[in-house]
Amino acid sequence: MAIGLMNNTILKSSLSKAQTNHHSLVPLTIFDKAAFDLHVVVLYAFKPPMPSNEVLKNALSKVLIHFPHLAGRFTTDDKGQPCIVLNNAGIRIIETYVPTTLADQLPFDPSKEVNHLLPPVEGIDELLQIQLNRYACGGLVIGQTAHHRVADGQSLSSFFVAWAKLVRGLAVDPLPYHDRDAISVPRNQPRAQFAHRFIEFRQTNVPNTPILLSSIENLITHFSTDFINKIKSKVTQGNDSNPHQRYSTFECLLAHVWKKMTQARGLELEQFTQVRVAVNGRARMKPQVPIEYFGNLVLWAYPRLTVREVLMESHAYVAKAIHDAVAKIDNKYFQSFIDFGELLKRNGEELEGTAPEIGNTLCPNLEVDSWLRFQFHDLNFGGGGPCAFYPPNIPVEGLLIFLPSCRVGGGVDVVMSLLPEHASIFKTNSHSLQ
């Protein structure tokens, strides 16, 4: 579809020139270094009426005052350490006109090309880019790219909610917390109590398993509230060893999806499969870390089972494996990781994060992020919340993202990437409870 480019420029925060003359350096934390080294891409769709682009840009310039890292740039300090320079170099804003109605383009289909709705992610210096795609009906699709080493998903969702509040004439409340040093304070005698060198990091130049991006199929699978309740009931009924134990929606649904994806992949029964599950440290590190912290504060749990266990044991058994692995990533574990970062710094050592690179295949394993508790349904620019949103072009086979569904009745959408031969089987079996 031909779209019209109306504007492509740099937008800076509305700080005065005097306020931006001091270019402070913010070193990346050990959490930032462990995060994906790539731009995260998300599309948000809003039905009309929506405020004008000028109103949106004016509020965006103001909200960047409270999120200066997003308008900065990556650099290094005099010791060669990676940093963000808070120089208000700005974010990129692209404005387009799409000569059709938004209703004609929804729901989002991962099999369709959507790059025309997104800023480019190659060869750019900007840490945040926003593309405003205005439709003939007045609807709007916002295409976002943000570098993951600046902030995690919870932080970016807080930024978007703050932007929407300013558009509606409300104050940004609560304000983000930016003291990265304060959340990464090592103990007086740092001690790494876990094998972080081999869990969150790996030695450099370790070969990966590359595949062609064109051979990865992206799909969105919807699980209704009614179906999720059936899974929860199945987990409860199968939990004979501890009938009082309750599992979250995420744990129950992940147990089901893990089963179905393992089945679709046709793995050998004695083979091991594990899931790399993102764990948010804000809840684990209370009260020393405010919930409003802006940056990366995620580590990972690694539930691991044989294929035989995943396929032949109950949903409750698999959910328990997930729950127990996540529970181990507690405050003690986060503190050990902070201490490990301090020891690396003292030794002048750099390691490579275990986050998969673009074009890798994770089979027989999975990587899972849950966005279920992010603030997307509070993202209201004045015309209501998003009618659809999802991260397109997932660049790693075996990566799954759990989203709160925008459908009437709610539920969960799982965005995933699989090899086509596995995707076709998953589509057929995804809603079988057998």
Protein backbone atom coordinates (compact mmCIF):
# COMPACT_ATOMS: atom_id res chain seq x y z
CA MET A 1 0.00 0.00 0.00
CA ALA A 2 1.32 3.44 -0.95
CA ILE A 3 1.48 5.80 2.00
CA GLY A 4 2.38 9.48 2.03
CA LEU A 5 5.38 10.70 4.00
CA MET A 6 4.49 14.02 5.62
CA ASN A 7 7.42 14.60 7.95
CA ASN A 8 10.66 13.00 9.13
CA THR A 9 12.54 14.97 11.75
CA ILE A 10 14.21 15.00 15.15
CA LEU A 11 12.10 16.01 18.15
CA LYS A 12 13.85 17.20 21.30
CA SER A 13 12.51 17.66 24.79
CA SER A 14 11.22 21.11 25.64
CA LEU A 15 14.02 21.74 28.13
CA SER A 16 15.71 25.09 27.69
CA LYS A 17 19.12 25.18 26.00
CA ALA A 18 20.75 26.08 29.33
CA GLN A 19 19.23 22.98 30.93
CA THR A 20 20.67 20.68 28.26
CA ASN A 21 24.21 22.07 28.20
CA HIS A 22 25.30 19.65 30.93
CA HIS A 23 25.80 16.36 29.12
CA SER A 24 25.97 13.86 31.96
CA LEU A 25 27.03 10.28 31.31
CA VAL A 26 24.94 7.41 32.66
CA PRO A 27 26.89 4.12 32.65
CA LEU A 28 24.90 1.06 31.61
CA THR A 29 24.10 -1.16 34.58
CA ILE A 30 24.76 -4.87 34.68
CA PHE A 31 21.02 -5.31 33.98
CA ASP A 32 21.28 -3.12 30.86
CA LYS A 33 24.23 -5.13 29.59
CA ALA A 34 22.34 -8.40 30.00
CA ALA A 35 19.34 -7.14 28.00
CA PHE A 36 18.73 -7.66 24.28
CA ASP A 37 21.10 -5.51 22.20
CA LEU A 38 18.44 -4.48 19.71
CA HIS A 39 15.52 -2.16 19.05
CA VAL A 40 12.16 -3.44 20.27
CA VAL A 41 9.40 -2.75 17.76
CA VAL A 42 5.73 -2.35 18.72
CA LEU A 43 2.58 -1.23 16.87
CA TYR A 44 -0.37 0.39 18.69
CA ALA A 45 -3.67 1.05 16.90
CA PHE A 46 -6.24 3.65 18.05
CA LYS A 47 -9.69 4.18 16.60
CA PRO A 48 -10.86 7.74 15.91
CA PRO A 49 -11.22 10.29 17.29
CA MET A 50 -7.56 10.88 18.09
CA PRO A 51 -5.75 14.16 18.86
CA SER A 52 -3.87 15.85 16.02
CA ASN A 53 -0.24 15.08 15.35
CA GLU A 54 0.73 18.54 16.62
CA VAL A 55 -0.93 17.87 19.98
CA LEU A 56 0.79 14.49 20.21
CA LYS A 57 4.20 15.93 19.33
CA ASN A 58 3.85 18.84 21.74
CA ALA A 59 3.08 16.45 24.61
CA LEU A 60 5.89 14.15 23.51
CA SER A 61 8.38 17.01 23.69
CA LYS A 62 7.21 17.74 27.22
CA VAL A 63 7.22 14.17 28.47
CA LEU A 64 10.82 13.69 27.32
CA ILE A 65 11.80 16.10 30.10
CA HIS A 66 10.93 13.31 32.52
CA PHE A 67 12.57 10.56 30.40
CA PRO A 68 15.87 12.14 29.28
CA HIS A 69 17.54 8.78 28.54
CA LEU A 70 15.27 8.24 25.55
CA ALA A 71 16.46 11.51 23.96
CA GLY A 72 20.13 10.68 24.61
CA ARG A 73 22.68 8.62 22.69
CA PHE A 74 24.96 5.68 23.35
CA THR A 75 28.60 6.52 23.94
CA THR A 76 31.56 5.37 26.03
CA ASP A 77 33.31 7.04 28.96
CA ASP A 78 37.06 7.60 29.35
CA LYS A 79 37.43 3.99 30.53
CA GLY A 80 35.70 2.61 27.48
CA GLN A 81 32.56 1.65 29.39
CA PRO A 82 29.22 1.90 27.53
CA CYS A 83 27.07 4.83 28.66
CA ILE A 84 24.05 6.90 27.73
CA VAL A 85 24.87 10.57 27.28
CA LEU A 86 21.97 12.80 28.34
CA ASN A 87 22.49 15.38 25.62
CA ASN A 88 18.88 15.83 24.45
CA ALA A 89 19.93 14.86 20.93
CA GLY A 90 16.28 13.96 20.46
CA ILE A 91 14.09 11.19 19.14
CA ARG A 92 13.05 10.62 15.54
CA ILE A 93 9.48 11.45 14.57
CA ILE A 94 8.04 10.21 11.28
CA GLU A 95 4.57 11.20 10.11
CA THR A 96 2.70 9.43 7.35
CA TYR A 97 -0.76 9.48 5.78
CA VAL A 98 -2.43 6.15 4.95
CA PRO A 99 -5.21 6.53 2.33
CA THR A 100 -7.55 3.90 3.78
CA THR A 101 -9.54 3.33 6.94
CA LEU A 102 -8.05 1.71 9.99
CA ALA A 103 -10.94 -0.78 10.11
CA ASP A 104 -9.80 -2.12 6.74
CA GLN A 105 -6.40 -3.00 8.20
CA LEU A 106 -7.49 -4.65 11.46
CA PRO A 107 -6.98 -7.06 13.06
CA PHE A 108 -3.20 -7.07 12.77
CA ASP A 109 -1.96 -10.03 10.78
CA PRO A 110 1.67 -11.09 11.45
CA SER A 111 1.88 -12.60 7.97
CA LYS A 112 1.40 -9.19 6.35
CA GLU A 113 4.17 -6.70 5.70
CA VAL A 114 4.02 -3.82 8.20
CA ASN A 115 7.44 -2.20 7.78
CA HIS A 116 5.79 0.83 6.16
CA LEU A 117 4.22 1.57 9.57
CA LEU A 118 7.55 1.43 11.42
CA PRO A 119 10.73 3.50 11.60
CA PRO A 120 13.88 1.72 10.37
CA VAL A 121 16.02 -0.06 12.97
CA GLU A 122 19.30 -0.37 11.06
CA GLY A 123 22.01 2.27 11.02
CA ILE A 124 20.33 4.67 13.44
CA ASP A 125 21.62 6.60 16.43
CA GLU A 126 18.25 7.47 17.99
CA LEU A 127 17.32 5.42 21.06
CA LEU A 128 13.60 6.02 20.54
CA GLN A 129 11.65 6.51 17.32
CA ILE A 130 7.94 7.20 16.90
CA GLN A 131 6.04 6.93 13.63
CA LEU A 132 2.56 8.47 13.52
CA ASN A 133 0.53 6.75 10.79
CA ARG A 134 -2.65 8.74 10.29
CA TYR A 135 -5.49 6.97 8.45
CA ALA A 136 -8.15 8.55 6.25
CA CYS A 137 -10.78 7.85 8.91
CA GLY A 138 -8.78 9.74 11.57
CA GLY A 139 -7.54 6.57 13.22
CA LEU A 140 -3.88 6.26 14.17
CA VAL A 141 -1.28 3.52 14.29
CA ILE A 142 1.80 4.40 16.32
CA GLY A 143 4.94 2.54 15.33
CA GLN A 144 7.62 2.52 18.03
CA THR A 145 11.22 1.38 18.12
CA ALA A 146 13.16 1.66 21.39
CA HIS A 147 16.56 0.25 22.24
CA HIS A 148 16.22 -2.45 24.88
CA ARG A 149 19.45 -1.52 26.66
CA VAL A 150 17.90 1.82 27.62
CA ALA A 151 14.80 0.37 29.26
CA ASP A 152 12.72 -2.76 29.66
CA GLY A 153 9.09 -3.26 28.71
CA GLN A 154 7.61 -2.03 31.98
CA SER A 155 9.60 1.19 31.72
CA LEU A 156 8.52 1.79 28.12
CA SER A 157 4.87 1.17 28.97
CA SER A 158 5.18 3.74 31.79
CA PHE A 159 6.65 6.23 29.32
CA PHE A 160 3.75 5.79 26.90
CA VAL A 161 1.18 6.17 29.68
CA ALA A 162 2.92 9.37 30.84
CA TRP A 163 2.86 10.71 27.26
CA ALA A 164 -0.87 9.96 27.00
CA LYS A 165 -1.54 11.71 30.31
CA LEU A 166 0.09 14.92 29.07
CA VAL A 167 -1.98 14.76 25.88
CA ARG A 168 -5.09 14.65 28.07
CA GLY A 169 -3.88 17.60 30.18
CA LEU A 170 -2.98 15.49 33.22
CA ALA A 171 0.22 15.57 35.24
CA VAL A 172 2.83 12.83 34.97
CA ASP A 173 2.23 11.00 38.22
CA PRO A 174 4.08 9.11 39.50
CA LEU A 175 7.32 10.49 38.08
CA PRO A 176 9.90 7.96 36.90
CA TYR A 177 12.84 7.08 39.14
CA HIS A 178 16.18 7.41 37.36
CA ASP A 179 18.95 6.70 39.89
CA ARG A 180 20.55 3.68 38.25
CA ASP A 181 23.42 3.65 40.72
CA ALA A 182 20.98 3.36 43.63
CA ILE A 183 19.38 0.19 42.31
CA SER A 184 22.71 -1.54 41.63
CA VAL A 185 24.48 -1.08 44.98
CA PRO A 186 26.80 -4.01 45.73
CA ARG A 187 27.43 -5.28 49.23
CA ASN A 188 30.54 -4.12 51.11
CA GLN A 189 32.12 -7.42 50.20
CA PRO A 190 30.59 -8.36 46.83
CA ARG A 191 29.93 -12.06 46.42
CA ALA A 192 28.37 -13.77 43.46
CA GLN A 193 26.48 -16.71 44.94
CA PHE A 194 25.24 -18.09 41.63
CA ALA A 195 26.87 -18.96 38.31
CA HIS A 196 25.99 -15.68 36.57
CA ARG A 197 28.98 -16.01 34.25
CA PHE A 198 27.22 -18.96 32.59
CA ILE A 199 23.55 -18.08 33.24
CA GLU A 200 23.04 -14.44 32.23
CA PHE A 201 26.33 -14.19 30.32
CA ARG A 202 28.58 -16.29 28.15
CA GLN A 203 32.15 -16.00 27.00
CA THR A 204 32.46 -13.91 23.84
CA ASN A 205 32.66 -15.51 20.41
CA VAL A 206 30.47 -18.47 21.38
CA PRO A 207 28.82 -19.70 18.15
CA ASN A 208 25.04 -19.48 17.85
CA THR A 209 22.61 -21.26 15.55
CA PRO A 210 21.67 -18.79 12.82
CA ILE A 211 18.73 -19.18 10.47
CA LEU A 212 17.31 -17.00 7.73
CA LEU A 213 14.76 -14.53 9.07
CA SER A 214 12.61 -15.30 6.06
CA SER A 215 12.26 -18.88 7.33
CA ILE A 216 10.65 -17.75 10.64
CA GLU A 217 6.86 -17.53 10.76
CA ASN A 218 5.29 -15.03 13.15
CA LEU A 219 1.80 -15.74 14.43
CA ILE A 220 -0.65 -14.48 17.04
CA THR A 221 -2.69 -17.05 18.95
CA HIS A 222 -5.66 -15.84 21.00
CA PHE A 223 -6.68 -17.60 24.19
CA SER A 224 -10.06 -16.47 25.48
CA THR A 225 -10.81 -15.92 29.15
CA ASP A 226 -13.08 -18.97 29.05
CA PHE A 227 -10.34 -21.18 27.61
CA ILE A 228 -7.77 -19.89 30.13
CA ASN A 229 -10.20 -20.72 32.95
CA LYS A 230 -10.41 -24.28 31.60
CA ILE A 231 -6.61 -24.51 31.72
CA LYS A 232 -6.59 -23.15 35.29
CA SER A 233 -9.21 -25.71 36.28
CA LYS A 234 -7.10 -28.45 34.71
CA VAL A 235 -4.06 -27.25 36.68
CA THR A 236 -6.03 -27.14 39.94
CA GLN A 237 -7.51 -30.60 39.43
CA GLY A 238 -4.09 -32.07 38.66
CA ASN A 239 -2.38 -30.52 41.66
CA ASP A 240 -2.95 -33.40 44.09
CA SER A 241 0.30 -32.92 46.01
CA ASN A 242 -0.61 -29.37 47.07
CA PRO A 243 -4.28 -28.54 46.41
CA HIS A 244 -3.96 -25.13 48.07
CA GLN A 245 -1.22 -23.95 45.70
CA ARG A 246 -2.46 -21.37 43.21
CA TYR A 247 -0.72 -20.49 39.96
CA SER A 248 -0.92 -17.27 37.98
CA THR A 249 -2.65 -16.93 34.62
CA PHE A 250 0.79 -16.63 33.04
CA GLU A 251 2.11 -19.82 34.66
CA CYS A 252 -0.96 -21.85 33.70
CA LEU A 253 -1.07 -20.61 30.12
CA LEU A 254 2.69 -20.98 29.65
CA ALA A 255 2.44 -24.60 30.82
CA HIS A 256 -0.16 -25.22 28.12
CA VAL A 257 1.76 -23.40 25.38
CA TRP A 258 5.00 -25.16 26.31
CA LYS A 259 3.23 -28.49 25.90
CA LYS A 260 1.77 -27.58 22.53
CA MET A 261 4.96 -26.07 21.13
CA THR A 262 7.00 -29.07 22.25
CA GLN A 263 4.49 -31.34 20.55
CA ALA A 264 4.61 -29.25 17.37
CA ARG A 265 8.39 -29.44 17.22
CA GLY A 266 8.42 -33.24 17.24
CA LEU A 267 11.28 -33.52 19.75
CA GLU A 268 12.75 -36.76 21.07
CA LEU A 269 11.18 -37.81 24.38
CA GLU A 270 14.45 -38.00 26.33
CA GLN A 271 15.64 -34.62 25.06
CA PHE A 272 15.66 -31.69 27.49
CA THR A 273 13.77 -28.46 26.81
CA GLN A 274 13.85 -25.30 28.87
CA VAL A 275 12.10 -21.95 28.91
CA ARG A 276 13.94 -18.70 29.59
CA VAL A 277 11.30 -16.74 31.55
CA ALA A 278 11.74 -13.02 32.21
CA VAL A 279 11.41 -12.09 35.92
CA ASN A 280 10.79 -8.44 36.89
CA GLY A 281 13.04 -7.32 39.72
CA ARG A 282 10.85 -4.42 40.85
CA ALA A 283 8.64 -6.77 42.85
CA ARG A 284 11.62 -8.84 44.03
CA MET A 285 13.74 -5.94 45.30
CA LYS A 286 11.23 -4.04 47.43
CA PRO A 287 11.57 -1.65 49.15
CA GLN A 288 14.98 -0.56 47.85
CA VAL A 289 13.78 -0.23 44.26
CA PRO A 290 10.73 1.94 43.50
CA ILE A 291 8.18 0.44 41.14
CA GLU A 292 8.66 3.58 38.99
CA TYR A 293 12.30 2.75 38.22
CA PHE A 294 13.10 3.52 34.57
CA GLY A 295 15.69 1.21 33.04
CA ASN A 296 16.28 -2.53 32.83
CA LEU A 297 15.56 -4.62 35.89
CA VAL A 298 14.91 -8.11 34.56
CA LEU A 299 16.60 -11.45 35.12
CA TRP A 300 15.52 -14.90 33.99
CA ALA A 301 14.31 -18.18 35.38
CA TYR A 302 15.03 -21.45 33.56
CA PRO A 303 12.44 -24.17 34.15
CA ARG A 304 13.85 -27.31 32.51
CA LEU A 305 12.17 -30.63 31.84
CA THR A 306 12.51 -33.58 29.51
CA VAL A 307 10.24 -33.65 26.49
CA ARG A 308 8.61 -36.72 28.02
CA GLU A 309 7.73 -34.73 31.16
CA VAL A 310 6.36 -31.76 29.21
CA LEU A 311 4.16 -33.94 27.02
CA MET A 312 3.07 -36.72 29.37
CA GLU A 313 2.89 -35.10 32.79
CA SER A 314 -0.10 -32.97 33.80
CA HIS A 315 -0.56 -29.25 33.26
CA ALA A 316 -0.14 -28.91 37.04
CA TYR A 317 3.26 -30.64 36.90
CA VAL A 318 4.54 -28.29 34.20
CA ALA A 319 3.03 -25.20 35.89
CA LYS A 320 4.77 -26.17 39.14
CA ALA A 321 8.13 -26.46 37.34
CA ILE A 322 7.64 -22.93 35.99
CA HIS A 323 6.45 -21.54 39.34
CA ASP A 324 9.32 -23.09 41.31
CA ALA A 325 11.97 -21.84 38.87
CA VAL A 326 10.58 -18.29 38.95
CA ALA A 327 10.39 -18.32 42.77
CA LYS A 328 14.13 -18.97 42.97
CA ILE A 329 14.89 -15.64 41.25
CA ASP A 330 14.35 -13.71 44.47
CA ASN A 331 15.93 -10.70 46.17
CA LYS A 332 18.96 -12.80 47.14
CA TYR A 333 19.49 -13.77 43.51
CA PHE A 334 19.17 -10.17 42.28
CA GLN A 335 21.67 -8.99 44.91
CA SER A 336 24.12 -11.70 43.86
CA PHE A 337 23.79 -10.50 40.25
CA ILE A 338 24.50 -6.90 41.29
CA ASP A 339 27.59 -8.08 43.16
CA PHE A 340 28.68 -10.04 40.10
CA GLY A 341 28.46 -6.83 38.06
CA GLU A 342 30.68 -5.05 40.59
CA LEU A 343 33.28 -7.84 40.43
CA LEU A 344 33.31 -7.64 36.64
CA LYS A 345 33.84 -3.89 36.85
CA ARG A 346 36.77 -4.25 39.25
CA ASN A 347 38.38 -6.84 36.97
CA GLY A 348 37.78 -4.74 33.86
CA GLU A 349 36.04 -7.72 32.30
CA GLU A 350 33.35 -7.65 29.61
CA LEU A 351 31.03 -10.57 28.90
CA GLU A 352 28.36 -11.19 26.30
CA GLY A 353 24.74 -11.55 27.43
CA THR A 354 22.91 -14.79 26.77
CA ALA A 355 19.98 -12.95 25.17
CA PRO A 356 19.60 -14.55 21.72
CA GLU A 357 20.74 -12.61 18.69
CA ILE A 358 18.61 -11.72 15.70
CA GLY A 359 18.14 -14.71 13.41
CA ASN A 360 18.86 -17.40 16.01
CA THR A 361 16.81 -20.53 16.57
CA LEU A 362 16.18 -21.57 20.18
CA CYS A 363 14.73 -25.02 19.44
CA PRO A 364 14.35 -27.16 21.58
CA ASN A 365 14.11 -24.23 24.00
CA LEU A 366 11.88 -21.16 24.32
CA GLU A 367 12.27 -17.54 25.43
CA VAL A 368 9.17 -16.01 27.04
CA ASP A 369 8.30 -12.43 28.02
CA SER A 370 5.06 -11.53 29.75
CA TRP A 371 3.57 -8.10 29.12
CA LEU A 372 0.38 -9.01 30.98
CA ARG A 373 1.02 -6.61 33.87
CA PHE A 374 2.19 -3.67 31.80
CA GLN A 375 0.01 -0.57 31.63
CA PHE A 376 -1.14 -0.83 28.02
CA HIS A 377 -4.83 -0.57 28.84
CA ASP A 378 -4.11 2.75 30.59
CA LEU A 379 -2.67 4.08 27.33
CA ASN A 380 -5.44 6.56 26.55
CA PHE A 381 -4.76 9.66 24.42
CA GLY A 382 -8.35 10.83 24.81
CA GLY A 383 -10.26 8.43 22.59
CA GLY A 384 -9.89 5.27 24.64
CA GLY A 385 -7.26 2.56 24.89
CA PRO A 386 -5.61 0.79 21.96
CA CYS A 387 -7.91 -1.36 19.85
CA ALA A 388 -4.90 -3.52 18.95
CA PHE A 389 -1.20 -3.73 19.65
CA TYR A 390 1.55 -6.25 19.10
CA PRO A 391 5.30 -6.54 18.45
CA PRO A 392 5.74 -7.41 14.75
CA ASN A 393 8.72 -9.06 13.09
CA ILE A 394 9.89 -11.14 16.07
CA PRO A 395 13.42 -11.95 14.90
CA VAL A 396 14.19 -15.11 16.95
CA GLU A 397 12.69 -18.57 16.48
CA GLY A 398 11.17 -19.77 19.75
CA LEU A 399 10.50 -16.31 21.22
CA LEU A 400 7.03 -15.80 22.75
CA ILE A 401 5.40 -12.65 24.12
CA PHE A 402 2.22 -12.80 26.22
CA LEU A 403 -0.05 -9.77 25.72
CA PRO A 404 -3.34 -8.70 27.29
CA SER A 405 -5.82 -9.05 24.44
CA CYS A 406 -7.69 -5.99 23.15
CA ARG A 407 -10.62 -8.17 22.05
CA VAL A 408 -14.03 -7.82 23.64
CA GLY A 409 -13.98 -10.17 26.61
CA GLY A 410 -10.24 -9.86 27.12
CA GLY A 411 -8.09 -12.97 27.28
CA VAL A 412 -4.45 -13.29 26.25
CA ASP A 413 -2.75 -13.04 22.86
CA VAL A 414 0.50 -14.94 22.47
CA VAL A 415 2.78 -13.59 19.75
CA MET A 416 5.36 -16.14 18.71
CA SER A 417 7.87 -17.11 16.07
CA LEU A 418 8.32 -20.66 14.83
CA LEU A 419 9.60 -22.53 11.83
CA PRO A 420 6.72 -22.87 9.33
CA GLU A 421 6.51 -26.66 9.64
CA HIS A 422 6.13 -26.31 13.42
CA ALA A 423 3.75 -23.36 13.20
CA SER A 424 1.21 -25.29 11.12
CA ILE A 425 1.05 -28.08 13.71
CA PHE A 426 0.80 -25.61 16.60
CA LYS A 427 -2.12 -23.82 14.93
CA THR A 428 -3.97 -27.12 14.70
CA ASN A 429 -3.32 -28.26 18.28
CA SER A 430 -3.06 -25.02 20.27
CA HIS A 431 -6.57 -25.22 21.75
CA SER A 432 -6.67 -28.94 22.48
CA LEU A 433 -6.63 -29.74 26.19
CA GLN A 434 -5.51 -33.33 25.55
